[in-house]
């Protein structure tokens, strides 16, 4: 590993601590989302960031899809590029629901799954 790579990793670690640790490392300060602690705050911030970035990607991707469609009709680009962009936007659009389904068992719940001994029918 090069020295530059080590420096970048150290900088990323410090930035992560500054951005995510805020209230979680302070004494007598409750977590923002009720999950408690550092990981609850990190999960909330990650989901907010994911939703914002996904919205921007879909907006810019929609404009790109229109531009590529016009260019493909005029013969300037291959139709495969248009299909690849459309498939990529579809994956970004459903990514959140796939994660919800995988973690909660239903795309409609939108909440974190809880596994207790009563759920196991013991």
PDB file of N, CA and C in Angstrom:
ATOM      1  N   UNK A   1       0.851  -1.170   0.000  1.00  0.00           N
ATOM      2  CA  UNK A   1       0.000   0.000   0.000  1.00  0.00           C
ATOM      3  C   UNK A   1       0.897   1.234   0.000  1.00  0.00           C
ATOM      4  N   UNK A   2       0.590   2.138  -0.876  1.00  0.00           N
ATOM      5  CA  UNK A   2       1.427   3.324  -1.002  1.00  0.00           C
ATOM      6  C   UNK A   2       1.130   4.331   0.106  1.00  0.00           C
ATOM      7  N   UNK A   3       2.023   5.268   0.254  1.00  0.00           N
ATOM      8  CA  UNK A   3       1.866   6.292   1.277  1.00  0.00           C
ATOM      9  C   UNK A   3       0.641   7.164   0.977  1.00  0.00           C
ATOM     10  N   UNK A   4       0.403   7.449  -0.290  1.00  0.00           N
ATOM     11  CA  UNK A   4      -0.749   8.258  -0.669  1.00  0.00           C
ATOM     12  C   UNK A   4      -2.052   7.552  -0.298  1.00  0.00           C
ATOM     13  N   UNK A   5      -2.094   6.253  -0.539  1.00  0.00           N
ATOM     14  CA  UNK A   5      -3.292   5.484  -0.216  1.00  0.00           C
ATOM     15  C   UNK A   5      -3.531   5.464   1.289  1.00  0.00           C
ATOM     16  N   UNK A   6      -2.459   5.311   2.070  1.00  0.00           N
ATOM     17  CA  UNK A   6      -2.590   5.330   3.527  1.00  0.00           C
ATOM     18  C   UNK A   6      -3.104   6.679   4.009  1.00  0.00           C
ATOM     19  N   UNK A   7      -2.602   7.750   3.419  1.00  0.00           N
ATOM     20  CA  UNK A   7      -3.051   9.089   3.793  1.00  0.00           C
ATOM     21  C   UNK A   7      -4.523   9.289   3.458  1.00  0.00           C
ATOM     22  N   UNK A   8      -4.956   8.791   2.303  1.00  0.00           N
ATOM     23  CA  UNK A   8      -6.354   8.922   1.917  1.00  0.00           C
ATOM     24  C   UNK A   8      -7.261   8.125   2.854  1.00  0.00           C
ATOM     25  N   UNK A   9      -6.829   6.937   3.234  1.00  0.00           N
ATOM     26  CA  UNK A   9      -7.615   6.135   4.162  1.00  0.00           C
ATOM     27  C   UNK A   9      -7.704   6.793   5.543  1.00  0.00           C
ATOM     28  N   UNK A  10      -6.607   7.354   6.006  1.00  0.00           N
ATOM     29  CA  UNK A  10      -6.618   8.057   7.290  1.00  0.00           C
ATOM     30  C   UNK A  10      -7.537   9.276   7.231  1.00  0.00           C
ATOM     31  N   UNK A  11      -7.493  10.016   6.127  1.00  0.00           N
ATOM     32  CA  UNK A  11      -8.361  11.177   5.959  1.00  0.00           C
ATOM     33  C   UNK A  11      -9.829  10.754   5.929  1.00  0.00           C
ATOM     34  N   UNK A  12     -10.131   9.654   5.237  1.00  0.00           N
ATOM     35  CA  UNK A  12     -11.506   9.157   5.179  1.00  0.00           C
ATOM     36  C   UNK A  12     -11.985   8.732   6.566  1.00  0.00           C
ATOM     37  N   UNK A  13     -11.121   8.101   7.341  1.00  0.00           N
ATOM     38  CA  UNK A  13     -11.480   7.696   8.695  1.00  0.00           C
ATOM     39  C   UNK A  13     -11.772   8.909   9.572  1.00  0.00           C
ATOM     40  N   UNK A  14     -10.928   9.913   9.498  1.00  0.00           N
ATOM     41  CA  UNK A  14     -11.146  11.114  10.299  1.00  0.00           C
ATOM     42  C   UNK A  14     -12.417  11.838   9.875  1.00  0.00           C
ATOM     43  N   UNK A  15     -12.661  11.918   8.566  1.00  0.00           N
ATOM     44  CA  UNK A  15     -13.882  12.566   8.084  1.00  0.00           C
ATOM     45  C   UNK A  15     -15.111  11.793   8.543  1.00  0.00           C
ATOM     46  N   UNK A  16     -15.042  10.477   8.517  1.00  0.00           N
ATOM     47  CA  UNK A  16     -16.168   9.666   8.980  1.00  0.00           C
ATOM     48  C   UNK A  16     -16.461   9.878  10.447  1.00  0.00           C
ATOM     49  N   UNK A  17     -15.422   9.977  11.246  1.00  0.00           N
ATOM     50  CA  UNK A  17     -15.613  10.212  12.683  1.00  0.00           C
ATOM     51  C   UNK A  17     -16.251  11.571  12.911  1.00  0.00           C
ATOM     52  N   UNK A  18     -15.784  12.589  12.196  1.00  0.00           N
ATOM     53  CA  UNK A  18     -16.334  13.935  12.370  1.00  0.00           C
ATOM     54  C   UNK A  18     -17.782  13.997  11.890  1.00  0.00           C
ATOM     55  N   UNK A  19     -18.088  13.363  10.760  1.00  0.00           N
ATOM     56  CA  UNK A  19     -19.438  13.456  10.201  1.00  0.00           C
ATOM     57  C   UNK A  19     -20.460  12.621  10.958  1.00  0.00           C
ATOM     58  N   UNK A  20     -20.080  11.437  11.414  1.00  0.00           N
ATOM     59  CA  UNK A  20     -21.054  10.515  11.967  1.00  0.00           C
ATOM     60  C   UNK A  20     -21.059  10.430  13.486  1.00  0.00           C
ATOM     61  N   UNK A  21     -20.001  10.846  14.138  1.00  0.00           N
ATOM     62  CA  UNK A  21     -19.898  10.591  15.567  1.00  0.00           C
ATOM     63  C   UNK A  21     -20.602  11.625  16.421  1.00  0.00           C
ATOM     64  N   UNK A  22     -20.784  12.826  15.941  1.00  0.00           N
ATOM     65  CA  UNK A  22     -21.415  13.933  16.639  1.00  0.00           C
ATOM     66  C   UNK A  22     -22.034  13.639  17.978  1.00  0.00           C
ATOM     67  N   UNK A  23     -23.343  13.427  18.007  1.00  0.00           N
ATOM     68  CA  UNK A  23     -24.074  13.238  19.253  1.00  0.00           C
ATOM     69  C   UNK A  23     -23.822  11.868  19.875  1.00  0.00           C
ATOM     70  N   UNK A  24     -23.406  10.910  19.063  1.00  0.00           N
ATOM     71  CA  UNK A  24     -23.242   9.554  19.586  1.00  0.00           C
ATOM     72  C   UNK A  24     -22.086   9.445  20.576  1.00  0.00           C
ATOM     73  N   UNK A  25     -21.056  10.232  20.401  1.00  0.00           N
ATOM     74  CA  UNK A  25     -19.908  10.157  21.293  1.00  0.00           C
ATOM     75  C   UNK A  25     -19.997  11.132  22.462  1.00  0.00           C
ATOM     76  N   UNK A  26     -20.950  12.064  22.411  1.00  0.00           N
ATOM     77  CA  UNK A  26     -21.101  13.026  23.493  1.00  0.00           C
ATOM     78  C   UNK A  26     -21.858  12.392  24.655  1.00  0.00           C
ATOM     79  N   UNK A  27     -21.532  12.802  25.854  1.00  0.00           N
ATOM     80  CA  UNK A  27     -22.213  12.266  27.028  1.00  0.00           C
ATOM     81  C   UNK A  27     -23.560  12.957  27.220  1.00  0.00           C
ATOM     82  N   UNK A  28     -24.552  12.179  27.635  1.00  0.00           N
ATOM     83  CA  UNK A  28     -25.881  12.689  27.979  1.00  0.00           C
ATOM     84  C   UNK A  28     -26.600  13.373  26.826  1.00  0.00           C
ATOM     85  N   UNK A  29     -26.300  12.970  25.595  1.00  0.00           N
ATOM     86  CA  UNK A  29     -26.992  13.515  24.431  1.00  0.00           C
ATOM     87  C   UNK A  29     -27.711  12.361  23.752  1.00  0.00           C
ATOM     88  N   UNK A  30     -29.049  12.408  23.654  1.00  0.00           N
ATOM     89  CA  UNK A  30     -29.774  11.284  23.043  1.00  0.00           C
ATOM     90  C   UNK A  30     -29.535  11.208  21.545  1.00  0.00           C
ATOM     91  N   UNK A  31     -29.709  10.024  21.003  1.00  0.00           N
ATOM     92  CA  UNK A  31     -29.566   9.828  19.564  1.00  0.00           C
ATOM     93  C   UNK A  31     -30.701  10.536  18.832  1.00  0.00           C
ATOM     94  N   UNK A  32     -30.463  10.880  17.574  1.00  0.00           N
ATOM     95  CA  UNK A  32     -31.439  11.630  16.795  1.00  0.00           C
ATOM     96  C   UNK A  32     -32.661  10.807  16.430  1.00  0.00           C
ATOM     97  N   UNK A  33     -32.507   9.507  16.196  1.00  0.00           N
ATOM     98  CA  UNK A  33     -33.601   8.725  15.639  1.00  0.00           C
ATOM     99  C   UNK A  33     -34.194   7.708  16.592  1.00  0.00           C
ATOM    100  N   UNK A  34     -33.774   7.663  17.815  1.00  0.00           N
ATOM    101  CA  UNK A  34     -34.340   6.737  18.768  1.00  0.00           C
ATOM    102  C   UNK A  34     -33.703   5.364  18.757  1.00  0.00           C
ATOM    103  N   UNK A  35     -32.914   5.016  17.718  1.00  0.00           N
ATOM    104  CA  UNK A  35     -32.237   3.729  17.700  1.00  0.00           C
ATOM    105  C   UNK A  35     -31.103   3.704  18.700  1.00  0.00           C
ATOM    106  N   UNK A  36     -30.567   4.855  19.006  1.00  0.00           N
ATOM    107  CA  UNK A  36     -29.535   4.962  20.010  1.00  0.00           C
ATOM    108  C   UNK A  36     -28.144   4.762  19.480  1.00  0.00           C
ATOM    109  N   UNK A  37     -27.265   5.614  19.919  1.00  0.00           N
ATOM    110  CA  UNK A  37     -25.851   5.441  19.673  1.00  0.00           C
ATOM    111  C   UNK A  37     -25.372   5.768  18.275  1.00  0.00           C
ATOM    112  N   UNK A  38     -24.127   5.444  18.096  1.00  0.00           N
ATOM    113  CA  UNK A  38     -23.404   5.776  16.871  1.00  0.00           C
ATOM    114  C   UNK A  38     -24.010   5.111  15.642  1.00  0.00           C
ATOM    115  N   UNK A  39     -24.324   3.818  15.730  1.00  0.00           N
ATOM    116  CA  UNK A  39     -24.794   3.097  14.553  1.00  0.00           C
ATOM    117  C   UNK A  39     -26.202   3.515  14.145  1.00  0.00           C
ATOM    118  N   UNK A  40     -27.024   3.905  15.097  1.00  0.00           N
ATOM    119  CA  UNK A  40     -28.346   4.426  14.762  1.00  0.00           C
ATOM    120  C   UNK A  40     -28.249   5.730  13.998  1.00  0.00           C
ATOM    121  N   UNK A  41     -27.383   6.628  14.475  1.00  0.00           N
ATOM    122  CA  UNK A  41     -27.180   7.895  13.776  1.00  0.00           C
ATOM    123  C   UNK A  41     -26.551   7.676  12.409  1.00  0.00           C
ATOM    124  N   UNK A  42     -25.590   6.771  12.317  1.00  0.00           N
ATOM    125  CA  UNK A  42     -24.938   6.490  11.039  1.00  0.00           C
ATOM    126  C   UNK A  42     -25.933   5.916  10.043  1.00  0.00           C
ATOM    127  N   UNK A  43     -26.804   5.023  10.502  1.00  0.00           N
ATOM    128  CA  UNK A  43     -27.812   4.435   9.610  1.00  0.00           C
ATOM    129  C   UNK A  43     -28.781   5.495   9.104  1.00  0.00           C
ATOM    130  N   UNK A  44     -29.207   6.395   9.986  1.00  0.00           N
ATOM    131  CA  UNK A  44     -30.115   7.464   9.580  1.00  0.00           C
ATOM    132  C   UNK A  44     -29.467   8.380   8.557  1.00  0.00           C
ATOM    133  N   UNK A  45     -28.236   8.774   8.801  1.00  0.00           N
ATOM    134  CA  UNK A  45     -27.542   9.664   7.862  1.00  0.00           C
ATOM    135  C   UNK A  45     -27.275   8.966   6.532  1.00  0.00           C
ATOM    136  N   UNK A  46     -26.946   7.672   6.581  1.00  0.00           N
ATOM    137  CA  UNK A  46     -26.714   6.934   5.347  1.00  0.00           C
ATOM    138  C   UNK A  46     -27.985   6.872   4.517  1.00  0.00           C
ATOM    139  N   UNK A  47     -29.113   6.587   5.150  1.00  0.00           N
ATOM    140  CA  UNK A  47     -30.366   6.491   4.395  1.00  0.00           C
ATOM    141  C   UNK A  47     -30.782   7.837   3.824  1.00  0.00           C
ATOM    142  N   UNK A  48     -30.595   8.910   4.572  1.00  0.00           N
ATOM    143  CA  UNK A  48     -30.912  10.246   4.044  1.00  0.00           C
ATOM    144  C   UNK A  48     -30.036  10.570   2.850  1.00  0.00           C
ATOM    145  N   UNK A  49     -28.746  10.249   2.948  1.00  0.00           N
ATOM    146  CA  UNK A  49     -27.824  10.493   1.839  1.00  0.00           C
ATOM    147  C   UNK A  49     -28.195   9.636   0.642  1.00  0.00           C
ATOM    148  N   UNK A  50     -28.516   8.358   0.876  1.00  0.00           N
ATOM    149  CA  UNK A  50     -28.890   7.459  -0.213  1.00  0.00           C
ATOM    150  C   UNK A  50     -30.115   7.979  -0.955  1.00  0.00           C
ATOM    151  N   UNK A  51     -31.127   8.433  -0.222  1.00  0.00           N
ATOM    152  CA  UNK A  51     -32.344   8.929  -0.861  1.00  0.00           C
ATOM    153  C   UNK A  51     -32.065  10.179  -1.678  1.00  0.00           C
ATOM    154  N   UNK A  52     -31.244  11.075  -1.162  1.00  0.00           N
ATOM    155  CA  UNK A  52     -30.922  12.301  -1.894  1.00  0.00           C
ATOM    156  C   UNK A  52     -30.121  12.014  -3.153  1.00  0.00           C
ATOM    157  N   UNK A  53     -29.117  11.156  -3.034  1.00  0.00           N
ATOM    158  CA  UNK A  53     -28.284  10.813  -4.191  1.00  0.00           C
ATOM    159  C   UNK A  53     -29.104  10.063  -5.223  1.00  0.00           C
ATOM    160  N   UNK A  54     -29.983   9.161  -4.773  1.00  0.00           N
ATOM    161  CA  UNK A  54     -30.819   8.410  -5.711  1.00  0.00           C
ATOM    162  C   UNK A  54     -31.708   9.350  -6.504  1.00  0.00           C
ATOM    163  N   UNK A  55     -32.269  10.363  -5.859  1.00  0.00           N
ATOM    164  CA  UNK A  55     -33.117  11.328  -6.559  1.00  0.00           C
ATOM    165  C   UNK A  55     -32.325  12.078  -7.620  1.00  0.00           C
ATOM    166  N   UNK A  56     -31.120  12.516  -7.264  1.00  0.00           N
ATOM    167  CA  UNK A  56     -30.292  13.236  -8.246  1.00  0.00           C
ATOM    168  C   UNK A  56     -29.904  12.333  -9.407  1.00  0.00           C
ATOM    169  N   UNK A  57     -29.545  11.087  -9.125  1.00  0.00           N
ATOM    170  CA  UNK A  57     -29.156  10.156 -10.188  1.00  0.00           C
ATOM    171  C   UNK A  57     -30.318   9.918 -11.138  1.00  0.00           C
ATOM    172  N   UNK A  58     -31.518   9.755 -10.608  1.00  0.00           N
ATOM    173  CA  UNK A  58     -32.671   9.518 -11.466  1.00  0.00           C
ATOM    174  C   UNK A  58     -33.006  10.738 -12.322  1.00  0.00           C
ATOM    175  N   UNK A  59     -32.857  11.928 -11.766  1.00  0.00           N
ATOM    176  CA  UNK A  59     -33.135  13.140 -12.549  1.00  0.00           C
ATOM    177  C   UNK A  59     -32.128  13.300 -13.676  1.00  0.00           C
ATOM    178  N   UNK A  60     -30.833  13.241 -13.342  1.00  0.00           N
ATOM    179  CA  UNK A  60     -29.813  13.383 -14.384  1.00  0.00           C
ATOM    180  C   UNK A  60     -29.848  12.218 -15.364  1.00  0.00           C
ATOM    181  N   UNK A  61     -30.129  11.031 -14.866  1.00  0.00           N
ATOM    182  CA  UNK A  61     -30.227   9.866 -15.742  1.00  0.00           C
ATOM    183  C   UNK A  61     -31.393   9.970 -16.701  1.00  0.00           C
ATOM    184  N   UNK A  62     -32.497  10.557 -16.248  1.00  0.00           N
ATOM    185  CA  UNK A  62     -33.644  10.769 -17.138  1.00  0.00           C
ATOM    186  C   UNK A  62     -33.297  11.697 -18.289  1.00  0.00           C
ATOM    187  N   UNK A  63     -32.588  12.776 -17.978  1.00  0.00           N
ATOM    188  CA  UNK A  63     -32.142  13.672 -19.054  1.00  0.00           C
ATOM    189  C   UNK A  63     -31.172  12.953 -19.987  1.00  0.00           C
ATOM    190  N   UNK A  64     -30.269  12.171 -19.419  1.00  0.00           N
ATOM    191  CA  UNK A  64     -29.323  11.414 -20.229  1.00  0.00           C
ATOM    192  C   UNK A  64     -30.014  10.390 -21.110  1.00  0.00           C
ATOM    193  N   UNK A  65     -31.073   9.783 -20.587  1.00  0.00           N
ATOM    194  CA  UNK A  65     -31.841   8.813 -21.366  1.00  0.00           C
ATOM    195  C   UNK A  65     -32.471   9.474 -22.584  1.00  0.00           C
ATOM    196  N   UNK A  66     -33.011  10.675 -22.419  1.00  0.00           N
ATOM    197  CA  UNK A  66     -33.604  11.406 -23.546  1.00  0.00           C
ATOM    198  C   UNK A  66     -32.535  11.768 -24.572  1.00  0.00           C
ATOM    199  N   UNK A  67     -31.383  12.240 -24.098  1.00  0.00           N
ATOM    200  CA  UNK A  67     -30.296  12.607 -25.013  1.00  0.00           C
ATOM    201  C   UNK A  67     -29.795  11.394 -25.778  1.00  0.00           C
ATOM    202  N   UNK A  68     -29.603  10.276 -25.088  1.00  0.00           N
ATOM    203  CA  UNK A  68     -29.142   9.064 -25.766  1.00  0.00           C
ATOM    204  C   UNK A  68     -30.183   8.522 -26.731  1.00  0.00           C
ATOM    205  N   UNK A  69     -31.456   8.667 -26.404  1.00  0.00           N
ATOM    206  CA  UNK A  69     -32.505   8.211 -27.323  1.00  0.00           C
ATOM    207  C   UNK A  69     -32.468   9.005 -28.620  1.00  0.00           C
ATOM    208  N   UNK A  70     -32.325  10.314 -28.493  1.00  0.00           N
ATOM    209  CA  UNK A  70     -32.235  11.154 -29.701  1.00  0.00           C
ATOM    210  C   UNK A  70     -30.981  10.811 -30.487  1.00  0.00           C
ATOM    211  N   UNK A  71     -29.851  10.648 -29.796  1.00  0.00           N
ATOM    212  CA  UNK A  71     -28.597  10.314 -30.483  1.00  0.00           C
ATOM    213  C   UNK A  71     -28.680   8.935 -31.137  1.00  0.00           C
ATOM    214  N   UNK A  72     -29.365   7.979 -30.506  1.00  0.00           N
ATOM    215  CA  UNK A  72     -29.503   6.644 -31.092  1.00  0.00           C
ATOM    216  C   UNK A  72     -30.396   6.687 -32.328  1.00  0.00           C
ATOM    217  N   UNK A  73     -31.445   7.483 -32.282  1.00  0.00           N
ATOM    218  CA  UNK A  73     -32.318   7.619 -33.457  1.00  0.00           C
ATOM    219  C   UNK A  73     -31.555   8.233 -34.618  1.00  0.00           C
ATOM    220  N   UNK A  74     -30.691   9.192 -34.320  1.00  0.00           N
ATOM    221  CA  UNK A  74     -29.896   9.838 -35.374  1.00  0.00           C
ATOM    222  C   UNK A  74     -28.696   9.005 -35.791  1.00  0.00           C
ATOM    223  N   UNK A  75     -28.441   7.891 -35.110  1.00  0.00           N
ATOM    224  CA  UNK A  75     -27.358   7.001 -35.489  1.00  0.00           C
ATOM    225  C   UNK A  75     -25.996   7.393 -34.948  1.00  0.00           C
ATOM    226  N   UNK A  76     -25.937   8.256 -33.961  1.00  0.00           N
ATOM    227  CA  UNK A  76     -24.659   8.715 -33.408  1.00  0.00           C
ATOM    228  C   UNK A  76     -24.114   7.769 -32.347  1.00  0.00           C
ATOM    229  N   UNK A  77     -24.982   7.053 -31.626  1.00  0.00           N
ATOM    230  CA  UNK A  77     -24.556   6.081 -30.624  1.00  0.00           C
ATOM    231  C   UNK A  77     -25.295   4.768 -30.859  1.00  0.00           C
ATOM    232  N   UNK A  78     -24.775   3.703 -30.265  1.00  0.00           N
ATOM    233  CA  UNK A  78     -25.418   2.403 -30.404  1.00  0.00           C
ATOM    234  C   UNK A  78     -26.603   2.308 -29.448  1.00  0.00           C
ATOM    235  N   UNK A  79     -27.587   1.509 -29.854  1.00  0.00           N
ATOM    236  CA  UNK A  79     -28.766   1.308 -29.030  1.00  0.00           C
ATOM    237  C   UNK A  79     -28.417   0.607 -27.725  1.00  0.00           C
ATOM    238  N   UNK A  80     -27.322  -0.116 -27.693  1.00  0.00           N
ATOM    239  CA  UNK A  80     -26.909  -0.813 -26.475  1.00  0.00           C
ATOM    240  C   UNK A  80     -26.596   0.181 -25.351  1.00  0.00           C
ATOM    241  N   UNK A  81     -26.067   1.340 -25.698  1.00  0.00           N
ATOM    242  CA  UNK A  81     -25.780   2.355 -24.678  1.00  0.00           C
ATOM    243  C   UNK A  81     -27.068   2.856 -24.048  1.00  0.00           C
ATOM    244  N   UNK A  82     -28.095   3.030 -24.863  1.00  0.00           N
ATOM    245  CA  UNK A  82     -29.393   3.462 -24.355  1.00  0.00           C
ATOM    246  C   UNK A  82     -29.984   2.396 -23.433  1.00  0.00           C
ATOM    247  N   UNK A  83     -29.878   1.135 -23.835  1.00  0.00           N
ATOM    248  CA  UNK A  83     -30.380   0.046 -23.012  1.00  0.00           C
ATOM    249  C   UNK A  83     -29.627  -0.087 -21.705  1.00  0.00           C
ATOM    250  N   UNK A  84     -28.306   0.108 -21.756  1.00  0.00           N
ATOM    251  CA  UNK A  84     -27.496   0.012 -20.540  1.00  0.00           C
ATOM    252  C   UNK A  84     -27.865   1.110 -19.545  1.00  0.00           C
ATOM    253  N   UNK A  85     -28.082   2.320 -20.040  1.00  0.00           N
ATOM    254  CA  UNK A  85     -28.476   3.413 -19.149  1.00  0.00           C
ATOM    255  C   UNK A  85     -29.856   3.156 -18.560  1.00  0.00           C
ATOM    256  N   UNK A  86     -30.786   2.673 -19.369  1.00  0.00           N
ATOM    257  CA  UNK A  86     -32.126   2.381 -18.876  1.00  0.00           C
ATOM    258  C   UNK A  86     -32.082   1.283 -17.811  1.00  0.00           C
ATOM    259  N   UNK A  87     -31.295   0.239 -18.028  1.00  0.00           N
ATOM    260  CA  UNK A  87     -31.171  -0.836 -17.043  1.00  0.00           C
ATOM    261  C   UNK A  87     -30.527  -0.327 -15.755  1.00  0.00           C
ATOM    262  N   UNK A  88     -29.516   0.511 -15.866  1.00  0.00           N
ATOM    263  CA  UNK A  88     -28.872   1.081 -14.690  1.00  0.00           C
ATOM    264  C   UNK A  88     -29.820   1.940 -13.873  1.00  0.00           C
ATOM    265  N   UNK A  89     -30.639   2.743 -14.549  1.00  0.00           N
ATOM    266  CA  UNK A  89     -31.616   3.568 -13.838  1.00  0.00           C
ATOM    267  C   UNK A  89     -32.685   2.710 -13.169  1.00  0.00           C
ATOM    268  N   UNK A  90     -33.061   1.616 -13.801  1.00  0.00           N
ATOM    269  CA  UNK A  90     -34.040   0.711 -13.189  1.00  0.00           C
ATOM    270  C   UNK A  90     -33.468   0.081 -11.916  1.00  0.00           C
ATOM    271  N   UNK A  91     -32.199  -0.292 -11.952  1.00  0.00           N
ATOM    272  CA  UNK A  91     -31.558  -0.874 -10.773  1.00  0.00           C
ATOM    273  C   UNK A  91     -31.494   0.138  -9.637  1.00  0.00           C
ATOM    274  N   UNK A  92     -31.135   1.376  -9.953  1.00  0.00           N
ATOM    275  CA  UNK A  92     -31.081   2.423  -8.923  1.00  0.00           C
ATOM    276  C   UNK A  92     -32.469   2.689  -8.354  1.00  0.00           C
ATOM    277  N   UNK A  93     -33.490   2.650  -9.208  1.00  0.00           N
ATOM    278  CA  UNK A  93     -34.850   2.947  -8.762  1.00  0.00           C
ATOM    279  C   UNK A  93     -35.386   1.896  -7.787  1.00  0.00           C
ATOM    280  N   UNK A  94     -35.027   0.627  -7.973  1.00  0.00           N
ATOM    281  CA  UNK A  94     -35.579  -0.426  -7.120  1.00  0.00           C
ATOM    282  C   UNK A  94     -34.638  -0.851  -6.001  1.00  0.00           C
ATOM    283  N   UNK A  95     -33.470  -0.266  -5.915  1.00  0.00           N
ATOM    284  CA  UNK A  95     -32.476  -0.696  -4.922  1.00  0.00           C
ATOM    285  C   UNK A  95     -33.007  -0.582  -3.493  1.00  0.00           C
ATOM    286  N   UNK A  96     -33.662   0.502  -3.171  1.00  0.00           N
ATOM    287  CA  UNK A  96     -34.181   0.690  -1.822  1.00  0.00           C
ATOM    288  C   UNK A  96     -35.228  -0.335  -1.451  1.00  0.00           C
ATOM    289  N   UNK A  97     -36.137  -0.641  -2.367  1.00  0.00           N
ATOM    290  CA  UNK A  97     -37.172  -1.636  -2.097  1.00  0.00           C
ATOM    291  C   UNK A  97     -36.591  -3.035  -1.956  1.00  0.00           C
ATOM    292  N   UNK A  98     -35.550  -3.347  -2.715  1.00  0.00           N
ATOM    293  CA  UNK A  98     -34.902  -4.652  -2.598  1.00  0.00           C
ATOM    294  C   UNK A  98     -34.264  -4.801  -1.222  1.00  0.00           C
ATOM    295  N   UNK A  99     -33.604  -3.758  -0.753  1.00  0.00           N
ATOM    296  CA  UNK A  99     -32.986  -3.799   0.572  1.00  0.00           C
ATOM    297  C   UNK A  99     -34.062  -3.915   1.651  1.00  0.00           C
ATOM    298  N   UNK A 100     -35.159  -3.162   1.515  1.00  0.00           N
ATOM    299  CA  UNK A 100     -36.258  -3.274   2.475  1.00  0.00           C
ATOM    300  C   UNK A 100     -36.817  -4.687   2.503  1.00  0.00           C
ATOM    301  N   UNK A 101     -37.008  -5.277   1.339  1.00  0.00           N
ATOM    302  CA  UNK A 101     -37.560  -6.635   1.277  1.00  0.00           C
ATOM    303  C   UNK A 101     -36.608  -7.648   1.908  1.00  0.00           C
ATOM    304  N   UNK A 102     -35.306  -7.468   1.656  1.00  0.00           N
ATOM    305  CA  UNK A 102     -34.322  -8.406   2.188  1.00  0.00           C
ATOM    306  C   UNK A 102     -34.180  -8.290   3.699  1.00  0.00           C
ATOM    307  N   UNK A 103     -34.382  -7.104   4.250  1.00  0.00           N
ATOM    308  CA  UNK A 103     -34.179  -6.915   5.681  1.00  0.00           C
ATOM    309  C   UNK A 103     -35.447  -7.050   6.502  1.00  0.00           C
ATOM    310  N   UNK A 104     -36.619  -6.788   5.911  1.00  0.00           N
ATOM    311  CA  UNK A 104     -37.864  -6.844   6.680  1.00  0.00           C
ATOM    312  C   UNK A 104     -38.804  -7.935   6.201  1.00  0.00           C
ATOM    313  N   UNK A 105     -38.601  -8.482   5.031  1.00  0.00           N
ATOM    314  CA  UNK A 105     -39.480  -9.514   4.502  1.00  0.00           C
ATOM    315  C   UNK A 105     -40.645  -8.955   3.720  1.00  0.00           C
ATOM    316  N   UNK A 106     -40.812  -7.642   3.702  1.00  0.00           N
ATOM    317  CA  UNK A 106     -41.894  -7.023   2.949  1.00  0.00           C
ATOM    318  C   UNK A 106     -41.466  -5.638   2.518  1.00  0.00           C
ATOM    319  N   UNK A 107     -41.758  -5.302   1.290  1.00  0.00           N
ATOM    320  CA  UNK A 107     -41.366  -3.985   0.775  1.00  0.00           C
ATOM    321  C   UNK A 107     -42.241  -2.876   1.333  1.00  0.00           C
ATOM    322  N   UNK A 108     -43.385  -3.215   1.937  1.00  0.00           N
ATOM    323  CA  UNK A 108     -44.314  -2.195   2.412  1.00  0.00           C
ATOM    324  C   UNK A 108     -44.074  -1.773   3.856  1.00  0.00           C
ATOM    325  N   UNK A 109     -43.358  -2.554   4.627  1.00  0.00           N
ATOM    326  CA  UNK A 109     -43.180  -2.243   6.045  1.00  0.00           C
ATOM    327  C   UNK A 109     -42.309  -1.011   6.250  1.00  0.00           C
ATOM    328  N   UNK A 110     -41.134  -0.971   5.633  1.00  0.00           N
ATOM    329  CA  UNK A 110     -40.245   0.166   5.780  1.00  0.00           C
ATOM    330  C   UNK A 110     -39.687   0.326   7.170  1.00  0.00           C
ATOM    331  N   UNK A 111     -39.600  -0.744   7.944  1.00  0.00           N
ATOM    332  CA  UNK A 111     -39.055  -0.660   9.292  1.00  0.00           C
ATOM    333  C   UNK A 111     -38.048  -1.774   9.488  1.00  0.00           C
ATOM    334  N   UNK A 112     -37.236  -1.641  10.499  1.00  0.00           N
ATOM    335  CA  UNK A 112     -36.194  -2.617  10.765  1.00  0.00           C
ATOM    336  C   UNK A 112     -36.821  -3.865  11.377  1.00  0.00           C
ATOM    337  N   UNK A 113     -36.419  -5.012  10.881  1.00  0.00           N
ATOM    338  CA  UNK A 113     -36.954  -6.274  11.389  1.00  0.00           C
ATOM    339  C   UNK A 113     -36.447  -6.513  12.812  1.00  0.00           C
ATOM    340  N   UNK A 114     -37.304  -7.071  13.653  1.00  0.00           N
ATOM    341  CA  UNK A 114     -36.886  -7.415  15.005  1.00  0.00           C
ATOM    342  C   UNK A 114     -37.059  -8.913  15.181  1.00  0.00           C
ATOM    343  N   UNK A 115     -36.033  -9.559  15.685  1.00  0.00           N
ATOM    344  CA  UNK A 115     -36.063 -10.993  15.888  1.00  0.00           C
ATOM    345  C   UNK A 115     -36.004 -11.272  17.377  1.00  0.00           C
ATOM    346  N   UNK A 116     -37.119 -11.709  17.911  1.00  0.00           N
ATOM    347  CA  UNK A 116     -37.184 -12.036  19.325  1.00  0.00           C
ATOM    348  C   UNK A 116     -37.458 -13.516  19.488  1.00  0.00           C
ATOM    349  N   UNK A 117     -37.397 -13.997  20.735  1.00  0.00           N
ATOM    350  CA  UNK A 117     -37.634 -15.423  20.975  1.00  0.00           C
ATOM    351  C   UNK A 117     -39.072 -15.803  20.650  1.00  0.00           C
ATOM    352  N   UNK A 118     -40.024 -14.881  20.756  1.00  0.00           N
ATOM    353  CA  UNK A 118     -41.412 -15.193  20.415  1.00  0.00           C
ATOM    354  C   UNK A 118     -41.581 -15.395  18.918  1.00  0.00           C
ATOM    355  N   UNK A 119     -40.717 -14.757  18.097  1.00  0.00           N
ATOM    356  CA  UNK A 119     -40.780 -14.940  16.650  1.00  0.00           C
ATOM    357  C   UNK A 119     -40.295 -16.314  16.242  1.00  0.00           C
ATOM    358  N   UNK A 120     -39.467 -16.935  17.039  1.00  0.00           N
ATOM    359  CA  UNK A 120     -38.881 -18.221  16.694  1.00  0.00           C
ATOM    360  C   UNK A 120     -39.814 -19.380  17.051  1.00  0.00           C
ATOM    361  N   UNK A 121     -40.944 -19.093  17.713  1.00  0.00           N
ATOM    362  CA  UNK A 121     -41.903 -20.126  18.126  1.00  0.00           C
ATOM    363  C   UNK A 121     -41.235 -21.218  18.950  1.00  0.00           C
ATOM    364  N   UNK A 122     -40.466 -20.802  19.934  1.00  0.00           N
ATOM    365  CA  UNK A 122     -39.787 -21.781  20.796  1.00  0.00           C
ATOM    366  C   UNK A 122     -40.663 -22.212  21.939  1.00  0.00           C
TER     367      UNK A 122
END
